[in-house]
Protein backbone atom coordinates (compact mmCIF):
# COMPACT_ATOMS: atom_id res chain seq x y z
CA UNK A 1 203.03 42.18 82.10
CA UNK A 2 204.90 43.56 79.17
CA UNK A 3 208.43 42.34 78.58
CA UNK A 4 210.87 45.09 77.76
CA UNK A 5 213.97 44.49 75.71
CA UNK A 6 217.32 45.18 77.41
CA UNK A 7 218.23 48.81 77.38
CA UNK A 8 214.66 50.16 77.10
CA UNK A 9 213.17 52.64 79.47
CA UNK A 10 216.47 54.22 80.58
CA UNK A 11 217.64 51.05 82.34
CA UNK A 12 220.56 49.23 80.78
CA UNK A 13 220.05 45.49 81.20
CA UNK A 14 222.81 43.14 80.24
CA UNK A 15 221.20 39.66 80.17
CA UNK A 16 217.82 37.98 79.97
CA UNK A 17 218.07 37.43 83.71
CA UNK A 18 218.52 41.13 84.26
CA UNK A 19 215.39 41.71 82.25
CA UNK A 20 213.52 39.11 84.34
CA UNK A 21 214.72 40.57 87.60
CA UNK A 22 213.62 44.04 86.41
CA UNK A 23 210.13 42.73 85.50
CA UNK A 24 209.84 40.82 88.78
CA UNK A 25 210.70 43.90 90.79
CA UNK A 26 208.03 45.83 88.94
CA UNK A 27 205.47 43.15 89.63
CA UNK A 28 206.41 42.99 93.33
CA UNK A 29 205.97 46.77 93.59
CA UNK A 30 202.65 46.62 91.82
CA UNK A 31 201.39 43.80 94.04
CA UNK A 32 202.47 45.70 97.16
CA UNK A 33 200.62 48.77 95.89
CA UNK A 34 197.40 46.79 95.35
CA UNK A 35 197.67 45.33 98.85
CA UNK A 36 198.17 48.83 100.22
CA UNK A 37 195.06 50.02 98.37
CA UNK A 38 193.08 47.25 99.99
CA UNK A 39 194.29 48.32 103.41
CA UNK A 40 193.41 51.96 102.74
CA UNK A 41 189.88 50.96 101.64
CA UNK A 42 189.37 48.65 104.60
CA UNK A 43 190.60 51.25 107.08
CA UNK A 44 188.39 53.96 105.49
CA UNK A 45 185.33 51.73 105.81
CA UNK A 46 186.23 50.93 109.41
CA UNK A 47 186.86 54.62 110.31
CA UNK A 48 183.59 55.66 108.65
CA UNK A 49 181.68 53.36 111.00
CA UNK A 50 182.27 54.96 114.43
CA UNK A 51 179.65 53.14 116.41
CA UNK A 52 180.84 50.24 118.55
CA UNK A 53 178.17 47.75 117.58
CA UNK A 54 177.81 44.34 115.98
CA UNK A 55 178.12 45.85 112.45
CA UNK A 56 181.71 46.96 113.30
CA UNK A 57 182.96 43.39 113.91
CA UNK A 58 183.11 42.36 110.24
CA UNK A 59 184.73 45.68 109.33
CA UNK A 60 187.51 45.06 111.89
CA UNK A 61 187.99 41.54 110.66
CA UNK A 62 188.15 42.70 106.98
CA UNK A 63 190.66 45.36 107.92
CA UNK A 64 192.78 42.82 109.86
CA UNK A 65 192.76 40.44 106.87
CA UNK A 66 193.84 43.25 104.51
CA UNK A 67 196.57 44.41 106.89
CA UNK A 68 197.85 40.86 107.47
CA UNK A 69 198.11 40.24 103.72
CA UNK A 70 199.86 43.65 103.26
CA UNK A 71 202.39 42.87 105.98
CA UNK A 72 203.13 39.50 104.35
CA UNK A 73 203.65 41.19 100.98
CA UNK A 74 206.03 43.69 102.62
CA UNK A 75 207.98 40.89 104.36
CA UNK A 76 208.29 38.89 101.14
CA UNK A 77 210.16 41.77 99.54
CA UNK A 78 212.36 42.36 102.55
CA UNK A 79 210.51 45.09 104.42
CA UNK A 80 210.42 43.81 107.93
CA UNK A 81 209.56 46.94 109.95
CA UNK A 82 205.92 48.01 109.70
CA UNK A 83 205.91 51.10 111.89
CA UNK A 84 205.74 53.56 108.92
CA UNK A 85 202.96 51.58 107.26
CA UNK A 86 200.99 51.49 110.50
CA UNK A 87 201.32 55.25 110.79
CA UNK A 88 200.73 56.04 107.12
CA UNK A 89 197.58 53.92 106.84
CA UNK A 90 196.32 54.80 110.32
CA UNK A 91 196.06 51.17 111.32
CA UNK A 92 194.48 51.08 114.77
CA UNK A 93 195.44 48.93 117.71
CA UNK A 94 192.00 47.30 117.40
CA UNK A 95 192.98 45.99 113.94
CA UNK A 96 196.57 45.09 114.95
CA UNK A 97 195.28 43.00 117.86
CA UNK A 98 193.33 40.84 115.43
CA UNK A 99 196.23 40.11 112.97
CA UNK A 100 196.37 36.44 112.21
CA UNK A 101 193.12 35.69 114.08
CA UNK A 102 190.46 33.83 112.19
């Protein structure tokens, strides 16, 4: 994480707390993006394995873990509705039914 001085990058920051808030927002967005990438990879692996066999079970579990972590990240930054994310990532009901299950 690079600390930018107030006023750099087209954003006029007044105090050190403004700078910190700006950096934290960037880190939250980056973290959410990485979690979204994990969901995309897990869903791609699951969708690539079309057979309904024992090999699919760990793929469903991995996708559910990735989606659960992603939803938590979204909620931590104030995004409470997940309908768009479910649609955009193609999260299946099979995965949604396993959220929070261990």
